[in-house]
């Protein structure tokens, strides 16, 4: 790895921890210079401004999450197994988060409002990737006669993602995994109803 690549990766990694634990608005460039040991000039050589750094850091954090999730999904051979892998992945996020600070999508969604359009657009892209992945699993399940043909794909994708993200928030606030376990159990019942 060339030095600029190593520097860029270190900035993304250290910024990711700060943004995901302190928040995007609350984290200053000074915080990032302290964490990385790089000057402000070095950071801005790699990222045009803080907004671009935030956007690229969110993508970096999400890539970490998606890499593990993708591997777990790929290891399963049926649509229900793949959906179950998603449920298990999100359940494990409470006690063993992939990224310090928890789910980067949920954390950024709380902050990404009309005052932060670039970050909000990036969060929507990540949400769409997750939704499209769930829909692809459902479509393949239909194609291979594992899932009933007449289901509303958008409905089930929304139900799964919104339920899991909401359960993560509740479990994180309460400091235990009871809510995520309840939601996982509910989703398993919902998914069993569409299985062939």
N, C-alpha and C. Protein backbone atom coordinates (compact mmCIF):
# COMPACT_ATOMS: atom_id res chain seq x y z
N UNK A 1 0.85 -1.18 0.00
CA UNK A 1 0.00 0.00 0.00
C UNK A 1 0.90 1.24 0.00
N UNK A 2 0.61 2.18 -0.90
CA UNK A 2 1.37 3.43 -0.95
C UNK A 2 1.06 4.26 0.28
N UNK A 3 1.97 5.16 0.62
CA UNK A 3 1.77 6.02 1.78
C UNK A 3 0.47 6.82 1.73
N UNK A 4 0.11 7.45 0.60
CA UNK A 4 -1.16 8.19 0.56
C UNK A 4 -2.37 7.28 0.83
N UNK A 5 -2.32 6.06 0.32
CA UNK A 5 -3.42 5.12 0.58
C UNK A 5 -3.51 4.76 2.05
N UNK A 6 -2.36 4.54 2.66
CA UNK A 6 -2.32 4.20 4.09
C UNK A 6 -2.82 5.38 4.93
N UNK A 7 -2.41 6.57 4.56
CA UNK A 7 -2.84 7.78 5.28
C UNK A 7 -4.35 7.94 5.16
N UNK A 8 -4.86 7.80 3.96
CA UNK A 8 -6.30 7.94 3.72
C UNK A 8 -7.10 6.91 4.52
N UNK A 9 -6.63 5.66 4.51
CA UNK A 9 -7.32 4.60 5.25
C UNK A 9 -7.31 4.89 6.75
N UNK A 10 -6.20 5.39 7.26
CA UNK A 10 -6.11 5.72 8.69
C UNK A 10 -7.07 6.85 9.05
N UNK A 11 -7.15 7.85 8.17
CA UNK A 11 -8.09 8.96 8.42
C UNK A 11 -9.52 8.44 8.44
N UNK A 12 -9.87 7.60 7.49
CA UNK A 12 -11.23 7.03 7.45
C UNK A 12 -11.53 6.19 8.68
N UNK A 13 -10.58 5.36 9.08
CA UNK A 13 -10.78 4.47 10.23
C UNK A 13 -10.95 5.27 11.53
N UNK A 14 -10.05 6.21 11.76
CA UNK A 14 -10.11 7.01 13.00
C UNK A 14 -11.32 7.94 13.00
N UNK A 15 -11.60 8.54 11.84
CA UNK A 15 -12.78 9.42 11.73
C UNK A 15 -14.06 8.61 11.95
N UNK A 16 -14.06 7.38 11.42
CA UNK A 16 -15.23 6.52 11.56
C UNK A 16 -15.57 6.26 13.01
N UNK A 17 -14.56 6.00 13.81
CA UNK A 17 -14.80 5.76 15.24
C UNK A 17 -15.37 7.02 15.89
N UNK A 18 -14.78 8.16 15.56
CA UNK A 18 -15.26 9.42 16.15
C UNK A 18 -16.67 9.76 15.70
N UNK A 19 -16.92 9.72 14.39
CA UNK A 19 -18.25 10.05 13.88
C UNK A 19 -19.31 9.10 14.42
N UNK A 20 -18.97 7.82 14.53
CA UNK A 20 -19.94 6.82 14.94
C UNK A 20 -20.18 6.81 16.44
N UNK A 21 -19.26 7.37 17.23
CA UNK A 21 -19.45 7.41 18.68
C UNK A 21 -19.85 8.79 19.18
N UNK A 22 -19.29 9.85 18.60
CA UNK A 22 -19.57 11.21 19.06
C UNK A 22 -20.64 11.91 18.22
N UNK A 23 -20.81 11.45 16.98
CA UNK A 23 -21.72 12.09 16.05
C UNK A 23 -20.95 12.90 15.02
N UNK A 24 -21.57 13.09 13.89
CA UNK A 24 -20.92 13.79 12.79
C UNK A 24 -20.79 15.28 13.08
N UNK A 25 -21.85 15.88 13.59
CA UNK A 25 -21.81 17.32 13.88
C UNK A 25 -20.87 17.62 15.04
N UNK A 26 -20.85 16.76 16.03
CA UNK A 26 -20.05 17.02 17.24
C UNK A 26 -18.57 16.78 17.04
N UNK A 27 -18.19 16.03 16.02
CA UNK A 27 -16.78 15.73 15.78
C UNK A 27 -16.16 16.83 14.93
N UNK A 28 -15.12 17.43 15.45
CA UNK A 28 -14.44 18.51 14.74
C UNK A 28 -13.21 17.98 14.00
N UNK A 29 -12.72 18.77 13.09
CA UNK A 29 -11.47 18.42 12.40
C UNK A 29 -10.35 18.33 13.43
N UNK A 30 -10.38 19.16 14.45
CA UNK A 30 -9.37 19.09 15.52
C UNK A 30 -9.40 17.74 16.22
N UNK A 31 -10.60 17.20 16.44
CA UNK A 31 -10.72 15.86 17.03
C UNK A 31 -10.05 14.83 16.14
N UNK A 32 -10.24 15.00 14.83
CA UNK A 32 -9.69 14.05 13.86
C UNK A 32 -8.17 14.18 13.78
N UNK A 33 -7.66 15.42 13.84
CA UNK A 33 -6.20 15.59 13.81
C UNK A 33 -5.57 14.96 15.05
N UNK A 34 -6.22 15.11 16.19
CA UNK A 34 -5.72 14.51 17.42
C UNK A 34 -5.72 12.99 17.32
N UNK A 35 -6.81 12.42 16.83
CA UNK A 35 -6.94 10.96 16.73
C UNK A 35 -5.98 10.35 15.72
N UNK A 36 -5.75 11.05 14.61
CA UNK A 36 -4.91 10.49 13.55
C UNK A 36 -3.44 10.86 13.68
N UNK A 37 -3.18 11.99 14.34
CA UNK A 37 -1.80 12.49 14.40
C UNK A 37 -1.41 13.25 13.14
N UNK A 38 -2.38 13.48 12.24
CA UNK A 38 -2.11 14.22 11.01
C UNK A 38 -2.54 15.68 11.19
N UNK A 39 -1.95 16.54 10.39
CA UNK A 39 -2.33 17.95 10.42
C UNK A 39 -3.63 18.15 9.65
N UNK A 40 -4.22 19.30 9.87
CA UNK A 40 -5.43 19.67 9.14
C UNK A 40 -5.15 19.66 7.62
N UNK A 41 -3.98 20.18 7.24
CA UNK A 41 -3.59 20.21 5.83
C UNK A 41 -3.51 18.81 5.23
N UNK A 42 -2.97 17.87 6.00
CA UNK A 42 -2.86 16.48 5.51
C UNK A 42 -4.25 15.88 5.31
N UNK A 43 -5.15 16.18 6.20
CA UNK A 43 -6.52 15.66 6.08
C UNK A 43 -7.19 16.26 4.85
N UNK A 44 -7.04 17.57 4.67
CA UNK A 44 -7.68 18.23 3.53
C UNK A 44 -6.98 17.93 2.20
N UNK A 45 -5.80 17.39 2.24
CA UNK A 45 -5.15 16.92 1.01
C UNK A 45 -5.87 15.68 0.47
N UNK A 46 -6.44 14.90 1.39
CA UNK A 46 -7.13 13.67 1.01
C UNK A 46 -8.64 13.84 0.87
N UNK A 47 -9.19 14.83 1.56
CA UNK A 47 -10.63 15.06 1.54
C UNK A 47 -10.87 16.56 1.39
N UNK A 48 -11.64 16.94 0.40
CA UNK A 48 -11.84 18.35 0.03
C UNK A 48 -12.31 19.22 1.21
N UNK A 49 -13.21 18.65 2.02
CA UNK A 49 -13.74 19.37 3.19
C UNK A 49 -14.34 18.35 4.16
N UNK A 50 -14.86 18.84 5.27
CA UNK A 50 -15.40 17.93 6.29
C UNK A 50 -16.61 17.16 5.76
N UNK A 51 -17.43 17.79 4.95
CA UNK A 51 -18.62 17.12 4.42
C UNK A 51 -18.23 15.92 3.55
N UNK A 52 -17.19 16.08 2.74
CA UNK A 52 -16.72 14.97 1.90
C UNK A 52 -16.13 13.87 2.79
N UNK A 53 -15.38 14.26 3.81
CA UNK A 53 -14.82 13.28 4.75
C UNK A 53 -15.94 12.51 5.44
N UNK A 54 -16.99 13.20 5.86
CA UNK A 54 -18.13 12.53 6.50
C UNK A 54 -18.77 11.52 5.55
N UNK A 55 -19.00 11.95 4.32
CA UNK A 55 -19.63 11.07 3.31
C UNK A 55 -18.78 9.84 3.06
N UNK A 56 -17.49 10.03 2.86
CA UNK A 56 -16.61 8.90 2.55
C UNK A 56 -16.41 8.00 3.78
N UNK A 57 -16.44 8.59 4.95
CA UNK A 57 -16.31 7.79 6.16
C UNK A 57 -17.55 6.92 6.36
N UNK A 58 -18.71 7.48 6.09
CA UNK A 58 -19.95 6.69 6.20
C UNK A 58 -19.90 5.51 5.23
N UNK A 59 -19.45 5.76 4.01
CA UNK A 59 -19.32 4.68 3.03
C UNK A 59 -18.32 3.62 3.53
N UNK A 60 -17.22 4.07 4.11
CA UNK A 60 -16.20 3.16 4.65
C UNK A 60 -16.78 2.29 5.77
N UNK A 61 -17.48 2.91 6.71
CA UNK A 61 -18.09 2.17 7.82
C UNK A 61 -19.13 1.16 7.31
N UNK A 62 -19.93 1.60 6.36
CA UNK A 62 -20.96 0.72 5.80
C UNK A 62 -20.34 -0.44 5.05
N UNK A 63 -19.22 -0.19 4.39
CA UNK A 63 -18.53 -1.26 3.66
C UNK A 63 -18.08 -2.36 4.62
N UNK A 64 -17.62 -1.97 5.79
CA UNK A 64 -17.22 -2.95 6.81
C UNK A 64 -18.42 -3.81 7.19
N UNK A 65 -19.54 -3.14 7.44
CA UNK A 65 -20.77 -3.83 7.83
C UNK A 65 -21.23 -4.76 6.71
N UNK A 66 -21.28 -4.25 5.47
CA UNK A 66 -21.79 -5.04 4.35
C UNK A 66 -20.88 -6.22 4.01
N UNK A 67 -19.59 -6.06 4.21
CA UNK A 67 -18.66 -7.16 3.90
C UNK A 67 -18.97 -8.39 4.76
N UNK A 68 -19.15 -8.18 6.05
CA UNK A 68 -19.47 -9.29 6.95
C UNK A 68 -20.86 -9.84 6.66
N UNK A 69 -21.81 -8.94 6.48
CA UNK A 69 -23.19 -9.36 6.20
C UNK A 69 -23.25 -10.17 4.90
N UNK A 70 -22.56 -9.70 3.87
CA UNK A 70 -22.52 -10.40 2.58
C UNK A 70 -21.97 -11.81 2.74
N UNK A 71 -20.90 -11.96 3.52
CA UNK A 71 -20.30 -13.28 3.73
C UNK A 71 -21.28 -14.22 4.43
N UNK A 72 -22.00 -13.71 5.41
CA UNK A 72 -22.97 -14.55 6.13
C UNK A 72 -24.13 -14.97 5.23
N UNK A 73 -24.59 -14.04 4.40
CA UNK A 73 -25.68 -14.34 3.47
C UNK A 73 -25.21 -15.38 2.45
N UNK A 74 -24.03 -15.16 1.91
CA UNK A 74 -23.48 -16.05 0.87
C UNK A 74 -23.30 -17.48 1.39
N UNK A 75 -23.02 -17.64 2.67
CA UNK A 75 -22.81 -18.96 3.26
C UNK A 75 -24.09 -19.80 3.30
N UNK A 76 -25.24 -19.14 3.18
CA UNK A 76 -26.52 -19.85 3.22
C UNK A 76 -26.96 -20.24 1.82
N UNK A 77 -27.72 -21.34 1.71
CA UNK A 77 -28.10 -21.85 0.39
C UNK A 77 -29.56 -21.60 0.02
N UNK A 78 -30.39 -21.21 0.99
CA UNK A 78 -31.81 -20.96 0.70
C UNK A 78 -32.16 -19.51 1.03
N UNK A 79 -33.27 -19.06 0.47
CA UNK A 79 -33.72 -17.70 0.75
C UNK A 79 -34.00 -17.52 2.24
N UNK A 80 -34.64 -18.48 2.86
CA UNK A 80 -34.94 -18.37 4.30
C UNK A 80 -33.65 -18.39 5.12
N UNK A 81 -32.69 -19.19 4.71
CA UNK A 81 -31.39 -19.20 5.39
C UNK A 81 -30.70 -17.85 5.28
N UNK A 82 -30.78 -17.23 4.10
CA UNK A 82 -30.16 -15.93 3.88
C UNK A 82 -30.85 -14.85 4.71
N UNK A 83 -32.18 -14.88 4.74
CA UNK A 83 -32.92 -13.91 5.57
C UNK A 83 -32.62 -14.14 7.05
N UNK A 84 -32.52 -15.40 7.44
CA UNK A 84 -32.15 -15.73 8.82
C UNK A 84 -30.77 -15.21 9.17
N UNK A 85 -29.85 -15.25 8.21
CA UNK A 85 -28.49 -14.73 8.43
C UNK A 85 -28.53 -13.23 8.69
N UNK A 86 -29.42 -12.53 8.00
CA UNK A 86 -29.58 -11.09 8.24
C UNK A 86 -30.08 -10.85 9.65
N UNK A 87 -31.08 -11.61 10.07
CA UNK A 87 -31.63 -11.45 11.43
C UNK A 87 -30.54 -11.71 12.48
N UNK A 88 -29.79 -12.77 12.30
CA UNK A 88 -28.72 -13.11 13.25
C UNK A 88 -27.63 -12.04 13.28
N UNK A 89 -27.30 -11.50 12.10
CA UNK A 89 -26.28 -10.46 12.03
C UNK A 89 -26.71 -9.24 12.84
N UNK A 90 -27.94 -8.79 12.64
CA UNK A 90 -28.41 -7.62 13.37
C UNK A 90 -28.56 -7.91 14.86
N UNK A 91 -28.95 -9.12 15.21
CA UNK A 91 -29.02 -9.50 16.63
C UNK A 91 -27.63 -9.39 17.28
N UNK A 92 -26.62 -9.84 16.56
CA UNK A 92 -25.27 -9.82 17.12
C UNK A 92 -24.70 -8.41 17.22
N UNK A 93 -25.30 -7.46 16.52
CA UNK A 93 -24.80 -6.09 16.55
C UNK A 93 -24.93 -5.45 17.93
N UNK A 94 -25.82 -5.94 18.75
CA UNK A 94 -26.00 -5.38 20.08
C UNK A 94 -24.80 -5.72 20.97
N UNK A 95 -24.41 -6.98 20.98
CA UNK A 95 -23.33 -7.41 21.88
C UNK A 95 -21.96 -7.39 21.21
N UNK A 96 -21.93 -7.45 19.88
CA UNK A 96 -20.66 -7.51 19.18
C UNK A 96 -20.71 -6.65 17.91
N UNK A 97 -20.76 -5.32 18.08
CA UNK A 97 -20.90 -4.46 16.90
C UNK A 97 -19.68 -4.53 15.99
N UNK A 98 -19.95 -4.54 14.72
CA UNK A 98 -18.91 -4.59 13.69
C UNK A 98 -18.03 -3.34 13.75
N UNK A 99 -18.66 -2.23 14.07
CA UNK A 99 -17.98 -0.93 14.12
C UNK A 99 -18.25 -0.33 15.49
N UNK A 100 -17.21 0.22 16.11
CA UNK A 100 -17.40 0.84 17.42
C UNK A 100 -18.46 1.94 17.34
N UNK A 101 -19.41 1.90 18.26
CA UNK A 101 -20.48 2.88 18.26
C UNK A 101 -21.80 2.35 17.73
N UNK A 102 -21.77 1.15 17.13
CA UNK A 102 -23.00 0.55 16.65
C UNK A 102 -23.22 0.71 15.17
N UNK A 103 -24.46 0.53 14.75
CA UNK A 103 -24.82 0.53 13.33
C UNK A 103 -24.62 1.92 12.72
N UNK A 104 -23.72 2.05 11.74
CA UNK A 104 -23.46 3.36 11.15
C UNK A 104 -24.68 3.93 10.43
N UNK A 105 -25.52 3.08 9.85
CA UNK A 105 -26.71 3.58 9.17
C UNK A 105 -27.68 4.20 10.16
N UNK A 106 -27.93 3.53 11.27
CA UNK A 106 -28.84 4.08 12.27
C UNK A 106 -28.28 5.36 12.87
N UNK A 107 -26.99 5.36 13.18
CA UNK A 107 -26.39 6.53 13.79
C UNK A 107 -26.47 7.75 12.89
N UNK A 108 -26.19 7.56 11.62
CA UNK A 108 -26.22 8.70 10.70
C UNK A 108 -27.65 9.13 10.40
N UNK A 109 -28.58 8.20 10.39
CA UNK A 109 -29.97 8.55 10.12
C UNK A 109 -30.51 9.51 11.17
N UNK A 110 -30.05 9.37 12.39
CA UNK A 110 -30.49 10.26 13.46
C UNK A 110 -30.01 11.68 13.20
N UNK A 111 -28.80 11.81 12.64
CA UNK A 111 -28.22 13.13 12.39
C UNK A 111 -28.52 13.72 11.02
N UNK A 112 -28.74 12.89 10.04
CA UNK A 112 -28.88 13.35 8.65
C UNK A 112 -30.26 13.95 8.42
N UNK A 113 -30.32 15.26 8.52
CA UNK A 113 -31.58 15.95 8.30
C UNK A 113 -31.42 16.93 7.14
N UNK A 114 -32.34 17.84 7.01
CA UNK A 114 -32.31 18.79 5.90
C UNK A 114 -31.08 19.70 5.93
N UNK A 115 -30.48 19.88 7.09
CA UNK A 115 -29.30 20.73 7.21
C UNK A 115 -28.03 20.02 6.76
N UNK A 116 -28.12 18.73 6.49
CA UNK A 116 -26.94 17.94 6.12
C UNK A 116 -27.27 17.08 4.89
N UNK A 117 -27.58 17.72 3.74
CA UNK A 117 -28.08 16.97 2.58
C UNK A 117 -27.10 15.97 2.00
N UNK A 118 -25.82 16.26 1.98
CA UNK A 118 -24.83 15.33 1.41
C UNK A 118 -24.79 14.03 2.21
N UNK A 119 -24.75 14.15 3.52
CA UNK A 119 -24.71 12.98 4.39
C UNK A 119 -26.03 12.21 4.31
N UNK A 120 -27.12 12.95 4.22
CA UNK A 120 -28.44 12.31 4.11
C UNK A 120 -28.53 11.49 2.83
N UNK A 121 -28.07 12.06 1.71
CA UNK A 121 -28.11 11.33 0.43
C UNK A 121 -27.28 10.05 0.51
N UNK A 122 -26.13 10.13 1.18
CA UNK A 122 -25.28 8.94 1.32
C UNK A 122 -25.97 7.88 2.18
N UNK A 123 -26.64 8.33 3.23
CA UNK A 123 -27.36 7.39 4.11
C UNK A 123 -28.48 6.70 3.33
N UNK A 124 -29.18 7.45 2.48
CA UNK A 124 -30.25 6.86 1.67
C UNK A 124 -29.68 5.82 0.71
N UNK A 125 -28.52 6.09 0.12
CA UNK A 125 -27.87 5.12 -0.78
C UNK A 125 -27.59 3.81 -0.03
N UNK A 126 -27.10 3.93 1.19
CA UNK A 126 -26.78 2.75 1.99
C UNK A 126 -28.05 1.99 2.35
N UNK A 127 -29.08 2.73 2.73
CA UNK A 127 -30.38 2.12 3.02
C UNK A 127 -30.91 1.39 1.79
N UNK A 128 -30.77 2.02 0.62
CA UNK A 128 -31.24 1.39 -0.62
C UNK A 128 -30.46 0.12 -0.95
N UNK A 129 -29.16 0.12 -0.68
CA UNK A 129 -28.36 -1.10 -0.89
C UNK A 129 -28.89 -2.23 -0.02
N UNK A 130 -29.16 -1.92 1.23
CA UNK A 130 -29.69 -2.92 2.16
C UNK A 130 -31.06 -3.41 1.70
N UNK A 131 -31.94 -2.46 1.35
CA UNK A 131 -33.28 -2.83 0.87
C UNK A 131 -33.20 -3.69 -0.39
N UNK A 132 -32.37 -3.26 -1.35
CA UNK A 132 -32.24 -4.01 -2.60
C UNK A 132 -31.69 -5.41 -2.38
N UNK A 133 -30.83 -5.56 -1.38
CA UNK A 133 -30.29 -6.88 -1.06
C UNK A 133 -31.39 -7.80 -0.52
N UNK A 134 -32.22 -7.27 0.35
CA UNK A 134 -33.33 -8.06 0.89
C UNK A 134 -34.30 -8.43 -0.23
N UNK A 135 -34.60 -7.47 -1.10
CA UNK A 135 -35.51 -7.74 -2.21
C UNK A 135 -34.93 -8.81 -3.15
N UNK A 136 -33.64 -8.75 -3.41
CA UNK A 136 -33.00 -9.75 -4.27
C UNK A 136 -33.11 -11.15 -3.67
N UNK A 137 -32.94 -11.25 -2.36
CA UNK A 137 -33.09 -12.55 -1.69
C UNK A 137 -34.53 -13.05 -1.84
N UNK A 138 -35.49 -12.15 -1.62
CA UNK A 138 -36.90 -12.54 -1.75
C UNK A 138 -37.23 -12.97 -3.19
N UNK A 139 -36.74 -12.21 -4.17
CA UNK A 139 -36.98 -12.56 -5.58
C UNK A 139 -36.39 -13.93 -5.93
N UNK A 140 -35.18 -14.18 -5.46
CA UNK A 140 -34.57 -15.49 -5.72
C UNK A 140 -35.34 -16.60 -5.02
N UNK A 141 -35.85 -16.31 -3.85
CA UNK A 141 -36.68 -17.29 -3.14
C UNK A 141 -37.93 -17.62 -3.91
N UNK A 142 -38.53 -16.61 -4.54
CA UNK A 142 -39.71 -16.83 -5.38
C UNK A 142 -39.32 -17.64 -6.62
N UNK A 143 -38.22 -17.23 -7.25
CA UNK A 143 -37.75 -17.90 -8.47
C UNK A 143 -37.51 -19.39 -8.24
N UNK A 144 -36.96 -19.74 -7.08
CA UNK A 144 -36.64 -21.14 -6.79
C UNK A 144 -37.69 -21.84 -5.93
N UNK A 145 -38.91 -21.28 -5.93
CA UNK A 145 -40.06 -21.88 -5.22
C UNK A 145 -39.81 -22.11 -3.73
N UNK A 146 -39.11 -21.18 -3.11
CA UNK A 146 -38.88 -21.25 -1.67
C UNK A 146 -39.77 -20.26 -0.92
N UNK A 147 -40.25 -19.25 -1.67
CA UNK A 147 -41.09 -18.19 -1.09
C UNK A 147 -42.33 -18.04 -1.98
N UNK A 148 -43.47 -17.76 -1.35
CA UNK A 148 -44.73 -17.59 -2.08
C UNK A 148 -44.60 -16.47 -3.12
N UNK A 149 -45.26 -16.66 -4.24
CA UNK A 149 -45.12 -15.75 -5.37
C UNK A 149 -45.84 -14.41 -5.21
N UNK A 150 -46.89 -14.37 -4.44
CA UNK A 150 -47.75 -13.18 -4.40
C UNK A 150 -47.39 -12.18 -3.28
N UNK A 151 -46.17 -12.19 -2.80
CA UNK A 151 -45.82 -11.29 -1.69
C UNK A 151 -45.44 -9.90 -2.22
N UNK A 152 -45.59 -8.93 -1.36
CA UNK A 152 -45.19 -7.54 -1.66
C UNK A 152 -43.73 -7.39 -1.23
N UNK A 153 -42.84 -7.35 -2.19
CA UNK A 153 -41.40 -7.31 -1.91
C UNK A 153 -41.00 -6.07 -1.10
N UNK A 154 -41.52 -4.91 -1.50
CA UNK A 154 -41.20 -3.66 -0.79
C UNK A 154 -41.68 -3.72 0.67
N UNK A 155 -42.86 -4.28 0.86
CA UNK A 155 -43.42 -4.40 2.20
C UNK A 155 -42.49 -5.21 3.10
N UNK A 156 -42.07 -6.39 2.63
CA UNK A 156 -41.23 -7.25 3.46
C UNK A 156 -39.84 -6.66 3.68
N UNK A 157 -39.29 -6.00 2.67
CA UNK A 157 -37.98 -5.36 2.84
C UNK A 157 -38.06 -4.26 3.89
N UNK A 158 -39.11 -3.45 3.81
CA UNK A 158 -39.30 -2.38 4.80
C UNK A 158 -39.53 -2.96 6.19
N UNK A 159 -40.39 -3.97 6.27
CA UNK A 159 -40.68 -4.60 7.56
C UNK A 159 -39.41 -5.12 8.22
N UNK A 160 -38.58 -5.81 7.46
CA UNK A 160 -37.36 -6.40 8.00
C UNK A 160 -36.39 -5.32 8.46
N UNK A 161 -36.10 -4.37 7.59
CA UNK A 161 -35.09 -3.35 7.92
C UNK A 161 -35.56 -2.43 9.04
N UNK A 162 -36.78 -1.93 8.92
CA UNK A 162 -37.28 -1.01 9.96
C UNK A 162 -37.38 -1.70 11.32
N UNK A 163 -37.82 -2.94 11.32
CA UNK A 163 -37.93 -3.68 12.58
C UNK A 163 -36.56 -3.89 13.22
N UNK A 164 -35.59 -4.31 12.41
CA UNK A 164 -34.25 -4.57 12.95
C UNK A 164 -33.56 -3.30 13.43
N UNK A 165 -33.63 -2.24 12.62
CA UNK A 165 -32.99 -0.98 13.03
C UNK A 165 -33.66 -0.40 14.28
N UNK A 166 -34.98 -0.48 14.33
CA UNK A 166 -35.69 0.00 15.53
C UNK A 166 -35.35 -0.82 16.75
N UNK A 167 -35.23 -2.12 16.58
CA UNK A 167 -34.89 -3.00 17.70
C UNK A 167 -33.47 -2.74 18.19
N UNK A 168 -32.56 -2.44 17.26
CA UNK A 168 -31.19 -2.10 17.67
C UNK A 168 -31.21 -0.85 18.53
N UNK A 169 -31.96 0.16 18.08
CA UNK A 169 -32.06 1.39 18.86
C UNK A 169 -32.61 1.13 20.25
N UNK A 170 -33.68 0.35 20.34
CA UNK A 170 -34.29 0.07 21.64
C UNK A 170 -33.35 -0.73 22.53
N UNK A 171 -32.73 -1.76 21.98
CA UNK A 171 -31.82 -2.59 22.77
C UNK A 171 -30.60 -1.80 23.22
N UNK A 172 -30.11 -0.93 22.34
CA UNK A 172 -28.96 -0.10 22.70
C UNK A 172 -29.31 0.85 23.84
N UNK A 173 -30.48 1.45 23.77
CA UNK A 173 -30.92 2.36 24.84
C UNK A 173 -31.08 1.62 26.17
N UNK A 174 -31.66 0.43 26.11
CA UNK A 174 -31.91 -0.35 27.33
C UNK A 174 -30.66 -1.07 27.85
N UNK A 175 -29.66 -1.22 26.98
CA UNK A 175 -28.43 -1.88 27.40
C UNK A 175 -28.53 -3.39 27.47
N UNK A 176 -29.50 -3.96 26.74
CA UNK A 176 -29.61 -5.42 26.67
C UNK A 176 -30.18 -5.81 25.31
N UNK A 177 -30.24 -7.10 25.03
CA UNK A 177 -30.69 -7.53 23.71
C UNK A 177 -32.12 -8.07 23.69
N UNK A 178 -32.90 -7.75 24.71
CA UNK A 178 -34.27 -8.29 24.79
C UNK A 178 -35.14 -7.82 23.64
N UNK A 179 -35.08 -6.53 23.29
CA UNK A 179 -35.93 -6.01 22.22
C UNK A 179 -35.56 -6.61 20.87
N UNK A 180 -34.28 -6.72 20.58
CA UNK A 180 -33.87 -7.30 19.30
C UNK A 180 -34.29 -8.77 19.22
N UNK A 181 -34.24 -9.49 20.35
CA UNK A 181 -34.68 -10.89 20.35
C UNK A 181 -36.17 -11.00 20.09
N UNK A 182 -36.96 -10.08 20.67
CA UNK A 182 -38.41 -10.09 20.43
C UNK A 182 -38.71 -9.81 18.95
N UNK A 183 -38.03 -8.82 18.40
CA UNK A 183 -38.27 -8.47 17.00
C UNK A 183 -37.80 -9.59 16.08
N UNK A 184 -36.69 -10.20 16.39
CA UNK A 184 -36.20 -11.33 15.59
C UNK A 184 -37.24 -12.46 15.59
N UNK A 185 -37.79 -12.75 16.75
CA UNK A 185 -38.82 -13.80 16.87
C UNK A 185 -40.05 -13.44 16.03
N UNK A 186 -40.47 -12.17 16.11
CA UNK A 186 -41.62 -11.71 15.32
C UNK A 186 -41.34 -11.84 13.82
N UNK A 187 -40.16 -11.43 13.39
CA UNK A 187 -39.82 -11.51 11.97
C UNK A 187 -39.74 -12.96 11.49
N UNK A 188 -39.25 -13.84 12.34
CA UNK A 188 -39.20 -15.27 11.97
C UNK A 188 -40.60 -15.81 11.70
N UNK A 189 -41.58 -15.37 12.52
CA UNK A 189 -42.97 -15.79 12.31
C UNK A 189 -43.49 -15.22 10.99
N UNK A 190 -43.21 -13.95 10.74
CA UNK A 190 -43.64 -13.29 9.50
C UNK A 190 -43.05 -13.99 8.27
N UNK A 191 -41.78 -14.33 8.36
CA UNK A 191 -41.11 -14.97 7.22
C UNK A 191 -41.57 -16.41 7.02
N UNK A 192 -41.87 -17.08 8.12
CA UNK A 192 -42.38 -18.46 8.01
C UNK A 192 -43.70 -18.47 7.23
N UNK A 193 -44.48 -17.41 7.38
CA UNK A 193 -45.78 -17.33 6.71
C UNK A 193 -45.64 -17.18 5.19
N UNK A 194 -44.51 -16.74 4.68
CA UNK A 194 -44.34 -16.59 3.24
C UNK A 194 -43.50 -17.72 2.62
N UNK A 195 -43.07 -18.64 3.47
CA UNK A 195 -42.26 -19.76 2.98
C UNK A 195 -43.15 -20.77 2.26
N UNK A 196 -42.62 -21.36 1.20
CA UNK A 196 -43.35 -22.40 0.45
C UNK A 196 -43.29 -23.71 1.19
